Amino acid sequence: MTTIGLTLPQLGPVVSAALVRDFVQQADAMGFDNLWVQDHFLYALDQSGDYGGSATEQPEVYRSVWAPTELLAAVAAWTRRMELGTSILVGGNHWPAQLANRLATVDQLSDGRLSVVGLSVGWSEEEHRAVGVDPTTRGRRMDDFVPALRACWGDDPVEYHGDFFDIGPAIMRPKPSRTPRFMSGMYSKPGLARTARDFDLWNPGSIPIDAVVAGLDGINAQRPEGKAPVGAIYRMAQQSTSGKRLTVDEMTVRVEECVTAGLDGVIVETNFCDEITSPGEWLDVLANLKALVDAAHS
């Protein structure tokens, strides 16, 4: 079955605890399957390099971003059914041993509903430098990150020694009740090779579904023998960072295409919608998306 989920209200000045609580409870009543967070923590006033989205510059809503694992912990207390995931955490913003502990805590708080951990190398040089990470190492660091994180969730005593991370031997608890699936947000040739080697899912967005299927074929052609094929959860923005809009009808057709293609899921992004200037407007946007749930579950 193709699941249908939502990115949480996380970006911009409208976000509040009350809004997030109302949003997830409304989403639950509408039948959405899962909820997702993304990952940025500063808005560079003097940006190096290119912005990684569809716009030419980083959108203003990134001036305020709520922290992903803390937001998931709150949502874990406000929901009982929907699964939780990250789309996408930036590897350079984190250290695997600490992230393993935070995510395992979220899983325990949610009674085992952390189902997917999405990771990518990120684009912000300023964020990497702010946490003491050399941005030129972000690809090689990701090569070490996923094995280290998996090791932290293995049997105690935990031990991992790599080029970037040196962990244990140590006791590391809690563990997640099940190991979440790892999802890649990478598109480059090296990133797709990492996806084939280390991940369970791919998180493409803003490309036609036939291109997603072709991308999966290319990833799985590189997949190590004996590993299950990599699947895909498609990310779809109602309004992109460059301002391009999809109507609800167009989004519904895209969900139907994902179902027909046998994709694992769809994530709907609403954080960039221009019409959202108040909590009520955010909930109105959500209320108009019921057709997407029906399309995914038909």
C-alpha atoms as a PDB file:
ATOM      1  CA  MET A   1       0.000   0.000   0.000  1.00  0.00           C
ATOM      2  CA  THR A   2       1.172   3.524  -0.780  1.00  0.00           C
ATOM      3  CA  THR A   3       1.052   5.655   2.365  1.00  0.00           C
ATOM      4  CA  ILE A   4       0.221   9.373   2.425  1.00  0.00           C
ATOM      5  CA  GLY A   5       1.840  11.762   4.890  1.00  0.00           C
ATOM      6  CA  LEU A   6       2.462  15.416   5.672  1.00  0.00           C
ATOM      7  CA  THR A   7       5.415  17.563   6.580  1.00  0.00           C
ATOM      8  CA  LEU A   8       4.715  19.201   9.926  1.00  0.00           C
ATOM      9  CA  PRO A   9       4.334  22.972  10.305  1.00  0.00           C
ATOM     10  CA  GLN A  10       7.969  23.754  11.054  1.00  0.00           C
ATOM     11  CA  LEU A  11       9.095  26.808   9.054  1.00  0.00           C
ATOM     12  CA  GLY A  12       8.255  30.465   9.458  1.00  0.00           C
ATOM     13  CA  PRO A  13       6.735  32.795  12.064  1.00  0.00           C
ATOM     14  CA  VAL A  14       3.259  31.220  12.080  1.00  0.00           C
ATOM     15  CA  VAL A  15       4.408  27.975  13.765  1.00  0.00           C
ATOM     16  CA  SER A  16       3.383  27.475  17.383  1.00  0.00           C
ATOM     17  CA  ALA A  17       2.830  24.525  19.685  1.00  0.00           C
ATOM     18  CA  ALA A  18      -0.932  25.018  19.479  1.00  0.00           C
ATOM     19  CA  LEU A  19      -0.841  25.007  15.669  1.00  0.00           C
ATOM     20  CA  VAL A  20       1.245  21.835  15.491  1.00  0.00           C
ATOM     21  CA  ARG A  21      -1.064  20.080  17.946  1.00  0.00           C
ATOM     22  CA  ASP A  22      -4.192  21.144  16.027  1.00  0.00           C
ATOM     23  CA  PHE A  23      -2.549  20.214  12.715  1.00  0.00           C
ATOM     24  CA  VAL A  24      -1.614  16.669  13.705  1.00  0.00           C
ATOM     25  CA  GLN A  25      -4.971  15.992  15.312  1.00  0.00           C
ATOM     26  CA  GLN A  26      -6.791  17.240  12.190  1.00  0.00           C
ATOM     27  CA  ALA A  27      -4.460  15.182   9.981  1.00  0.00           C
ATOM     28  CA  ASP A  28      -5.178  12.116  12.105  1.00  0.00           C
ATOM     29  CA  ALA A  29      -8.938  12.599  11.761  1.00  0.00           C
ATOM     30  CA  MET A  30      -8.544  12.972   7.980  1.00  0.00           C
ATOM     31  CA  GLY A  31      -6.757   9.613   7.714  1.00  0.00           C
ATOM     32  CA  PHE A  32      -3.185  10.620   6.878  1.00  0.00           C
ATOM     33  CA  ASP A  33      -0.711   7.850   7.619  1.00  0.00           C
ATOM     34  CA  ASN A  34       2.467   9.608   8.739  1.00  0.00           C
ATOM     35  CA  LEU A  35       4.111  12.904   9.740  1.00  0.00           C
ATOM     36  CA  TRP A  36       7.531  14.229   8.760  1.00  0.00           C
ATOM     37  CA  VAL A  37      10.146  16.766   9.841  1.00  0.00           C
ATOM     38  CA  GLN A  38      12.967  18.502   7.973  1.00  0.00           C
ATOM     39  CA  ASP A  39      16.231  19.943   9.231  1.00  0.00           C
ATOM     40  CA  HIS A  40      17.767  23.423   9.190  1.00  0.00           C
ATOM     41  CA  PHE A  41      18.740  25.666  12.087  1.00  0.00           C
ATOM     42  CA  LEU A  42      20.107  28.971  10.772  1.00  0.00           C
ATOM     43  CA  TYR A  43      19.461  31.449   7.983  1.00  0.00           C
ATOM     44  CA  ALA A  44      22.767  32.711   6.654  1.00  0.00           C
ATOM     45  CA  LEU A  45      22.804  36.453   5.958  1.00  0.00           C
ATOM     46  CA  ASP A  46      25.923  35.995   3.827  1.00  0.00           C
ATOM     47  CA  GLN A  47      25.381  32.667   2.074  1.00  0.00           C
ATOM     48  CA  SER A  48      28.219  30.702   0.480  1.00  0.00           C
ATOM     49  CA  GLY A  49      27.353  28.375  -2.378  1.00  0.00           C
ATOM     50  CA  ASP A  50      23.987  27.668  -3.913  1.00  0.00           C
ATOM     51  CA  TYR A  51      20.694  27.101  -2.138  1.00  0.00           C
ATOM     52  CA  GLY A  52      19.669  23.473  -2.464  1.00  0.00           C
ATOM     53  CA  GLY A  53      15.981  23.992  -3.297  1.00  0.00           C
ATOM     54  CA  SER A  54      14.165  25.053  -6.438  1.00  0.00           C
ATOM     55  CA  ALA A  55      14.484  28.799  -5.745  1.00  0.00           C
ATOM     56  CA  THR A  56      17.552  30.912  -6.518  1.00  0.00           C
ATOM     57  CA  GLU A  57      17.833  31.950  -2.851  1.00  0.00           C
ATOM     58  CA  GLN A  58      16.838  30.448   0.472  1.00  0.00           C
ATOM     59  CA  PRO A  59      13.177  31.366   1.193  1.00  0.00           C
ATOM     60  CA  GLU A  60      12.387  33.769   4.036  1.00  0.00           C
ATOM     61  CA  VAL A  61      10.439  31.132   5.993  1.00  0.00           C
ATOM     62  CA  TYR A  62      13.798  29.523   6.846  1.00  0.00           C
ATOM     63  CA  ARG A  63      14.477  32.422   9.197  1.00  0.00           C
ATOM     64  CA  SER A  64      12.633  30.360  11.811  1.00  0.00           C
ATOM     65  CA  VAL A  65      12.849  26.548  11.872  1.00  0.00           C
ATOM     66  CA  TRP A  66      11.746  24.379  14.776  1.00  0.00           C
ATOM     67  CA  ALA A  67      14.196  21.584  15.716  1.00  0.00           C
ATOM     68  CA  PRO A  68      13.268  18.220  14.175  1.00  0.00           C
ATOM     69  CA  THR A  69      13.737  15.651  16.938  1.00  0.00           C
ATOM     70  CA  GLU A  70      12.183  17.873  19.595  1.00  0.00           C
ATOM     71  CA  LEU A  71       9.193  18.504  17.331  1.00  0.00           C
ATOM     72  CA  LEU A  72       8.769  14.775  16.738  1.00  0.00           C
ATOM     73  CA  ALA A  73       8.858  14.178  20.498  1.00  0.00           C
ATOM     74  CA  ALA A  74       5.950  16.598  20.994  1.00  0.00           C
ATOM     75  CA  VAL A  75       4.009  15.030  18.132  1.00  0.00           C
ATOM     76  CA  ALA A  76       4.595  11.605  19.669  1.00  0.00           C
ATOM     77  CA  ALA A  77       2.606  12.779  22.697  1.00  0.00           C
ATOM     78  CA  TRP A  78      -0.183  14.357  20.619  1.00  0.00           C
ATOM     79  CA  THR A  79      -0.876  11.338  18.370  1.00  0.00           C
ATOM     80  CA  ARG A  80      -1.462   7.631  18.830  1.00  0.00           C
ATOM     81  CA  ARG A  81      -1.737   6.129  15.344  1.00  0.00           C
ATOM     82  CA  MET A  82       0.328   7.963  12.722  1.00  0.00           C
ATOM     83  CA  GLU A  83       3.910   6.909  12.086  1.00  0.00           C
ATOM     84  CA  LEU A  84       6.787   9.402  12.247  1.00  0.00           C
ATOM     85  CA  GLY A  85       9.741  10.055   9.979  1.00  0.00           C
ATOM     86  CA  THR A  86      12.444  12.503   8.948  1.00  0.00           C
ATOM     87  CA  SER A  87      12.535  13.994   5.443  1.00  0.00           C
ATOM     88  CA  ILE A  88      15.345  14.918   5.541  1.00  0.00           C
ATOM     89  CA  LEU A  89      17.935  15.250   8.322  1.00  0.00           C
ATOM     90  CA  VAL A  90      21.239  16.809   7.245  1.00  0.00           C
ATOM     91  CA  GLY A  91      24.057  14.491   8.265  1.00  0.00           C
ATOM     92  CA  GLY A  92      26.444  17.379   8.870  1.00  0.00           C
ATOM     93  CA  ASN A  93      24.097  18.874  11.478  1.00  0.00           C
ATOM     94  CA  HIS A  94      24.403  15.775  13.668  1.00  0.00           C
ATOM     95  CA  TRP A  95      26.701  13.195  15.206  1.00  0.00           C
ATOM     96  CA  PRO A  96      25.499   9.589  14.895  1.00  0.00           C
ATOM     97  CA  ALA A  97      25.846   8.511  18.523  1.00  0.00           C
ATOM     98  CA  GLN A  98      23.860  11.493  19.823  1.00  0.00           C
ATOM     99  CA  LEU A  99      21.319  11.271  17.019  1.00  0.00           C
ATOM    100  CA  ALA A 100      20.837   7.568  17.717  1.00  0.00           C
ATOM    101  CA  ASN A 101      19.919   8.407  21.301  1.00  0.00           C
ATOM    102  CA  ARG A 102      17.517  11.220  20.353  1.00  0.00           C
ATOM    103  CA  LEU A 103      15.748   9.191  17.684  1.00  0.00           C
ATOM    104  CA  ALA A 104      15.489   6.105  19.886  1.00  0.00           C
ATOM    105  CA  THR A 105      13.923   8.321  22.558  1.00  0.00           C
ATOM    106  CA  VAL A 106      11.362   9.587  20.027  1.00  0.00           C
ATOM    107  CA  ASP A 107      10.611   5.989  19.080  1.00  0.00           C
ATOM    108  CA  GLN A 108      10.042   5.010  22.699  1.00  0.00           C
ATOM    109  CA  LEU A 109       7.874   8.080  23.392  1.00  0.00           C
ATOM    110  CA  SER A 110       5.733   7.200  20.371  1.00  0.00           C
ATOM    111  CA  ASP A 111       5.361   3.493  21.255  1.00  0.00           C
ATOM    112  CA  GLY A 112       7.479   2.398  18.309  1.00  0.00           C
ATOM    113  CA  ARG A 113       6.102   4.695  15.591  1.00  0.00           C
ATOM    114  CA  LEU A 114       9.414   6.054  14.259  1.00  0.00           C
ATOM    115  CA  SER A 115       9.387   4.220  10.937  1.00  0.00           C
ATOM    116  CA  VAL A 116      11.816   6.067   8.627  1.00  0.00           C
ATOM    117  CA  VAL A 117      15.031   8.026   9.188  1.00  0.00           C
ATOM    118  CA  GLY A 118      15.820  10.149   6.142  1.00  0.00           C
ATOM    119  CA  LEU A 119      19.339  11.523   5.729  1.00  0.00           C
ATOM    120  CA  SER A 120      21.235  13.565   3.172  1.00  0.00           C
ATOM    121  CA  VAL A 121      24.478  15.529   2.889  1.00  0.00           C
ATOM    122  CA  GLY A 122      22.846  18.983   2.922  1.00  0.00           C
ATOM    123  CA  TRP A 123      23.815  22.156   1.071  1.00  0.00           C
ATOM    124  CA  SER A 124      24.418  24.896   3.683  1.00  0.00           C
ATOM    125  CA  GLU A 125      28.099  25.562   4.222  1.00  0.00           C
ATOM    126  CA  GLU A 126      27.250  27.954   7.078  1.00  0.00           C
ATOM    127  CA  GLU A 127      25.354  25.288   9.010  1.00  0.00           C
ATOM    128  CA  HIS A 128      28.216  22.829   8.641  1.00  0.00           C
ATOM    129  CA  ARG A 129      30.753  25.351   9.904  1.00  0.00           C
ATOM    130  CA  ALA A 130      28.478  26.358  12.804  1.00  0.00           C
ATOM    131  CA  VAL A 131      28.588  22.796  14.184  1.00  0.00           C
ATOM    132  CA  GLY A 132      32.297  22.315  13.516  1.00  0.00           C
ATOM    133  CA  VAL A 133      31.980  20.177  10.373  1.00  0.00           C
ATOM    134  CA  ASP A 134      34.082  20.828   7.279  1.00  0.00           C
ATOM    135  CA  PRO A 135      31.492  21.112   4.456  1.00  0.00           C
ATOM    136  CA  THR A 136      33.939  19.677   1.939  1.00  0.00           C
ATOM    137  CA  THR A 137      33.822  16.342   3.829  1.00  0.00           C
ATOM    138  CA  ARG A 138      30.027  15.982   3.826  1.00  0.00           C
ATOM    139  CA  GLY A 139      29.929  13.134   1.294  1.00  0.00           C
ATOM    140  CA  ARG A 140      32.706  11.086   2.875  1.00  0.00           C
ATOM    141  CA  ARG A 141      31.225  11.816   6.307  1.00  0.00           C
ATOM    142  CA  MET A 142      27.888  10.357   5.153  1.00  0.00           C
ATOM    143  CA  ASP A 143      29.733   7.197   4.063  1.00  0.00           C
ATOM    144  CA  ASP A 144      30.683   6.788   7.729  1.00  0.00           C
ATOM    145  CA  PHE A 145      27.461   8.182   9.239  1.00  0.00           C
ATOM    146  CA  VAL A 146      24.933   5.506   8.306  1.00  0.00           C
ATOM    147  CA  PRO A 147      27.072   2.512   9.395  1.00  0.00           C
ATOM    148  CA  ALA A 148      27.843   4.306  12.672  1.00  0.00           C
ATOM    149  CA  LEU A 149      24.169   5.046  13.334  1.00  0.00           C
ATOM    150  CA  ARG A 150      23.176   1.479  12.553  1.00  0.00           C
ATOM    151  CA  ALA A 151      25.901   0.223  14.912  1.00  0.00           C
ATOM    152  CA  CYS A 152      24.517   2.361  17.751  1.00  0.00           C
ATOM    153  CA  TRP A 153      21.192   0.533  17.418  1.00  0.00           C
ATOM    154  CA  GLY A 154      22.807  -2.888  17.400  1.00  0.00           C
ATOM    155  CA  ASP A 155      23.373  -5.207  20.320  1.00  0.00           C
ATOM    156  CA  ASP A 156      25.347  -3.890  23.292  1.00  0.00           C
ATOM    157  CA  PRO A 157      28.206  -3.440  23.694  1.00  0.00           C
ATOM    158  CA  VAL A 158      28.142  -1.024  20.759  1.00  0.00           C
ATOM    159  CA  GLU A 159      31.398  -0.454  18.919  1.00  0.00           C
ATOM    160  CA  TYR A 160      32.215   1.376  15.691  1.00  0.00           C
ATOM    161  CA  HIS A 161      35.499   2.767  14.425  1.00  0.00           C
ATOM    162  CA  GLY A 162      35.521   4.659  11.138  1.00  0.00           C
ATOM    163  CA  ASP A 163      37.215   7.549   9.397  1.00  0.00           C
ATOM    164  CA  PHE A 164      35.015  10.166  11.105  1.00  0.00           C
ATOM    165  CA  PHE A 165      33.400   8.477  14.116  1.00  0.00           C
ATOM    166  CA  ASP A 166      34.935   6.488  16.954  1.00  0.00           C
ATOM    167  CA  ILE A 167      32.302   4.910  19.217  1.00  0.00           C
ATOM    168  CA  GLY A 168      32.624   2.471  22.099  1.00  0.00           C
ATOM    169  CA  PRO A 169      32.797  -0.175  23.203  1.00  0.00           C
ATOM    170  CA  ALA A 170      29.816   1.142  25.147  1.00  0.00           C
ATOM    171  CA  ILE A 171      26.291   0.519  26.337  1.00  0.00           C
ATOM    172  CA  MET A 172      23.835   2.669  24.361  1.00  0.00           C
ATOM    173  CA  ARG A 173      20.161   2.657  25.377  1.00  0.00           C
ATOM    174  CA  PRO A 174      17.325   3.042  24.697  1.00  0.00           C
ATOM    175  CA  LYS A 175      17.156   1.257  21.386  1.00  0.00           C
ATOM    176  CA  PRO A 176      14.285   1.785  18.964  1.00  0.00           C
ATOM    177  CA  SER A 177      11.671  -0.943  19.222  1.00  0.00           C
ATOM    178  CA  ARG A 178      12.430  -1.746  15.568  1.00  0.00           C
ATOM    179  CA  THR A 179      15.228  -0.405  13.418  1.00  0.00           C
ATOM    180  CA  PRO A 180      13.680   2.333  11.248  1.00  0.00           C
ATOM    181  CA  ARG A 181      14.209   2.144   7.515  1.00  0.00           C
ATOM    182  CA  PHE A 182      16.906   4.493   6.239  1.00  0.00           C
ATOM    183  CA  MET A 183      15.885   6.883   3.451  1.00  0.00           C
ATOM    184  CA  SER A 184      18.270   8.817   1.214  1.00  0.00           C
ATOM    185  CA  GLY A 185      17.649  12.347   0.017  1.00  0.00           C
ATOM    186  CA  MET A 186      20.661  12.321  -2.323  1.00  0.00           C
ATOM    187  CA  TYR A 187      20.647  12.830  -6.107  1.00  0.00           C
ATOM    188  CA  SER A 188      24.289  13.105  -7.203  1.00  0.00           C
ATOM    189  CA  LYS A 189      26.073  10.149  -8.778  1.00  0.00           C
ATOM    190  CA  PRO A 190      28.058   9.438  -5.561  1.00  0.00           C
ATOM    191  CA  GLY A 191      24.901  10.001  -3.518  1.00  0.00           C
ATOM    192  CA  LEU A 192      22.922   7.476  -5.561  1.00  0.00           C
ATOM    193  CA  ALA A 193      25.755   4.979  -5.092  1.00  0.00           C
ATOM    194  CA  ARG A 194      25.493   5.549  -1.318  1.00  0.00           C
ATOM    195  CA  THR A 195      21.740   5.081  -1.579  1.00  0.00           C
ATOM    196  CA  ALA A 196      22.214   1.724  -3.285  1.00  0.00           C
ATOM    197  CA  ARG A 197      24.784   0.583  -0.743  1.00  0.00           C
ATOM    198  CA  ASP A 198      23.477   1.865   2.609  1.00  0.00           C
ATOM    199  CA  PHE A 199      19.793   2.835   2.396  1.00  0.00           C
ATOM    200  CA  ASP A 200      16.380   1.180   2.184  1.00  0.00           C
ATOM    201  CA  LEU A 201      14.426   4.023   0.555  1.00  0.00           C
ATOM    202  CA  TRP A 202      14.938   6.999  -1.734  1.00  0.00           C
ATOM    203  CA  ASN A 203      13.149  10.360  -1.260  1.00  0.00           C
ATOM    204  CA  PRO A 204      12.819  12.047  -4.668  1.00  0.00           C
ATOM    205  CA  GLY A 205      10.664  15.090  -5.271  1.00  0.00           C
ATOM    206  CA  SER A 206       9.596  17.535  -7.977  1.00  0.00           C
ATOM    207  CA  ILE A 207      10.320  15.119 -10.822  1.00  0.00           C
ATOM    208  CA  PRO A 208       7.880  13.076 -12.929  1.00  0.00           C
ATOM    209  CA  ILE A 209       6.970   9.669 -11.588  1.00  0.00           C
ATOM    210  CA  ASP A 210       8.464   7.896 -14.610  1.00  0.00           C
ATOM    211  CA  ALA A 211      11.765   9.589 -13.736  1.00  0.00           C
ATOM    212  CA  VAL A 212      11.419   8.258 -10.174  1.00  0.00           C
ATOM    213  CA  VAL A 213      10.939   4.734 -11.509  1.00  0.00           C
ATOM    214  CA  ALA A 214      13.942   5.133 -13.808  1.00  0.00           C
ATOM    215  CA  GLY A 215      15.994   6.484 -10.903  1.00  0.00           C
ATOM    216  CA  LEU A 216      15.054   3.490  -8.761  1.00  0.00           C
ATOM    217  CA  ASP A 217      16.061   1.142 -11.559  1.00  0.00           C
ATOM    218  CA  GLY A 218      19.461   2.837 -11.675  1.00  0.00           C
ATOM    219  CA  ILE A 219      19.873   2.649  -7.905  1.00  0.00           C
ATOM    220  CA  ASN A 220      18.882  -1.006  -7.718  1.00  0.00           C
ATOM    221  CA  ALA A 221      21.229  -1.899 -10.557  1.00  0.00           C
ATOM    222  CA  GLN A 222      24.006  -0.929  -8.112  1.00  0.00           C
ATOM    223  CA  ARG A 223      22.403  -2.675  -5.118  1.00  0.00           C
ATOM    224  CA  PRO A 224      24.640  -5.236  -3.361  1.00  0.00           C
ATOM    225  CA  GLU A 225      23.545  -8.809  -3.970  1.00  0.00           C
ATOM    226  CA  GLY A 226      21.205 -10.180  -1.330  1.00  0.00           C
ATOM    227  CA  LYS A 227      19.736  -6.831  -0.247  1.00  0.00           C
ATOM    228  CA  ALA A 228      16.061  -6.086  -0.819  1.00  0.00           C
ATOM    229  CA  PRO A 229      15.408  -3.482  -3.547  1.00  0.00           C
ATOM    230  CA  VAL A 230      15.409   0.182  -2.562  1.00  0.00           C
ATOM    231  CA  GLY A 231      11.904   1.677  -2.529  1.00  0.00           C
ATOM    232  CA  ALA A 232      10.771   5.302  -2.804  1.00  0.00           C
ATOM    233  CA  ILE A 233       8.708   7.796  -0.846  1.00  0.00           C
ATOM    234  CA  TYR A 234       7.871  10.725  -3.117  1.00  0.00           C
ATOM    235  CA  ARG A 235       7.954  14.282  -1.730  1.00  0.00           C
ATOM    236  CA  MET A 236       5.434  16.681  -3.300  1.00  0.00           C
ATOM    237  CA  ALA A 237       5.153  20.399  -2.501  1.00  0.00           C
ATOM    238  CA  GLN A 238       1.817  22.126  -2.921  1.00  0.00           C
ATOM    239  CA  GLN A 239       3.945  25.216  -3.557  1.00  0.00           C
ATOM    240  CA  SER A 240       7.644  24.837  -4.308  1.00  0.00           C
ATOM    241  CA  THR A 241      10.355  27.084  -2.914  1.00  0.00           C
ATOM    242  CA  SER A 242      10.397  28.858  -6.281  1.00  0.00           C
ATOM    243  CA  GLY A 243       6.645  29.539  -6.061  1.00  0.00           C
ATOM    244  CA  LYS A 244       5.399  26.914  -8.506  1.00  0.00           C
ATOM    245  CA  ARG A 245       1.900  25.748  -7.498  1.00  0.00           C
ATOM    246  CA  LEU A 246       0.098  22.461  -7.878  1.00  0.00           C
ATOM    247  CA  THR A 247      -3.676  22.403  -7.636  1.00  0.00           C
ATOM    248  CA  VAL A 248      -5.308  19.790  -5.424  1.00  0.00           C
ATOM    249  CA  ASP A 249      -6.484  18.038  -8.587  1.00  0.00           C
ATOM    250  CA  GLU A 250      -2.918  17.958  -9.938  1.00  0.00           C
ATOM    251  CA  MET A 251      -1.642  16.643  -6.613  1.00  0.00           C
ATOM    252  CA  THR A 252      -4.335  13.971  -6.585  1.00  0.00           C
ATOM    253  CA  VAL A 253      -3.269  12.779 -10.033  1.00  0.00           C
ATOM    254  CA  ARG A 254       0.350  12.657  -8.828  1.00  0.00           C
ATOM    255  CA  VAL A 255      -0.664  10.522  -5.837  1.00  0.00           C
ATOM    256  CA  GLU A 256      -2.561   8.190  -8.156  1.00  0.00           C
ATOM    257  CA  GLU A 257       0.560   7.894 -10.317  1.00  0.00           C
ATOM    258  CA  CYS A 258       2.614   6.989  -7.232  1.00  0.00           C
ATOM    259  CA  VAL A 259       0.094   4.283  -6.317  1.00  0.00           C
ATOM    260  CA  THR A 260       0.147   2.872  -9.848  1.00  0.00           C
ATOM    261  CA  ALA A 261       3.962   2.845  -9.819  1.00  0.00           C
ATOM    262  CA  GLY A 262       3.950   0.956  -6.516  1.00  0.00           C
ATOM    263  CA  LEU A 263       5.886   3.586  -4.562  1.00  0.00           C
ATOM    264  CA  ASP A 264       6.056   3.172  -0.811  1.00  0.00           C
ATOM    265  CA  GLY A 265       4.563   6.548   0.008  1.00  0.00           C
ATOM    266  CA  VAL A 266       3.952  10.228  -0.672  1.00  0.00           C
ATOM    267  CA  ILE A 267       4.856  13.182   1.558  1.00  0.00           C
ATOM    268  CA  VAL A 268       2.920  16.425   1.057  1.00  0.00           C
ATOM    269  CA  GLU A 269       4.784  19.673   1.804  1.00  0.00           C
ATOM    270  CA  THR A 270       2.810  22.817   2.685  1.00  0.00           C
ATOM    271  CA  ASN A 271       5.415  24.924   4.541  1.00  0.00           C
ATOM    272  CA  PHE A 272       6.010  27.173   1.499  1.00  0.00           C
ATOM    273  CA  CYS A 273       2.405  28.051   0.645  1.00  0.00           C
ATOM    274  CA  ASP A 274       2.085  31.841   0.235  1.00  0.00           C
ATOM    275  CA  GLU A 275      -1.458  31.976   1.575  1.00  0.00           C
ATOM    276  CA  ILE A 276      -0.418  30.767   5.033  1.00  0.00           C
ATOM    277  CA  THR A 277      -0.161  33.848   7.235  1.00  0.00           C
ATOM    278  CA  SER A 278      -2.043  32.515  10.269  1.00  0.00           C
ATOM    279  CA  PRO A 279      -2.641  29.185  12.041  1.00  0.00           C
ATOM    280  CA  GLY A 280      -6.199  29.097  10.730  1.00  0.00           C
ATOM    281  CA  GLU A 281      -5.011  29.394   7.138  1.00  0.00           C
ATOM    282  CA  TRP A 282      -2.581  26.510   7.657  1.00  0.00           C
ATOM    283  CA  LEU A 283      -5.438  24.331   8.878  1.00  0.00           C
ATOM    284  CA  ASP A 284      -7.579  25.461   5.920  1.00  0.00           C
ATOM    285  CA  VAL A 285      -4.839  24.325   3.507  1.00  0.00           C
ATOM    286  CA  LEU A 286      -4.779  20.957   5.257  1.00  0.00           C
ATOM    287  CA  ALA A 287      -8.575  20.604   5.141  1.00  0.00           C
ATOM    288  CA  ASN A 288      -8.505  20.857   1.339  1.00  0.00           C
ATOM    289  CA  LEU A 289      -6.210  17.827   0.965  1.00  0.00           C
ATOM    290  CA  LYS A 290      -8.680  15.030   1.783  1.00  0.00           C
ATOM    291  CA  ALA A 291      -8.764  13.935  -1.871  1.00  0.00           C
ATOM    292  CA  LEU A 292      -5.092  12.945  -1.580  1.00  0.00           C
ATOM    293  CA  VAL A 293      -5.877  10.547   1.257  1.00  0.00           C
ATOM    294  CA  ASP A 294      -8.691   8.998  -0.768  1.00  0.00           C
ATOM    295  CA  ALA A 295      -6.388   8.610  -3.796  1.00  0.00           C
ATOM    296  CA  ALA A 296      -3.671   6.898  -1.768  1.00  0.00           C
ATOM    297  CA  HIS A 297      -6.098   4.555  -0.014  1.00  0.00           C
ATOM    298  CA  SER A 298      -8.307   3.698  -2.985  1.00  0.00           C
END
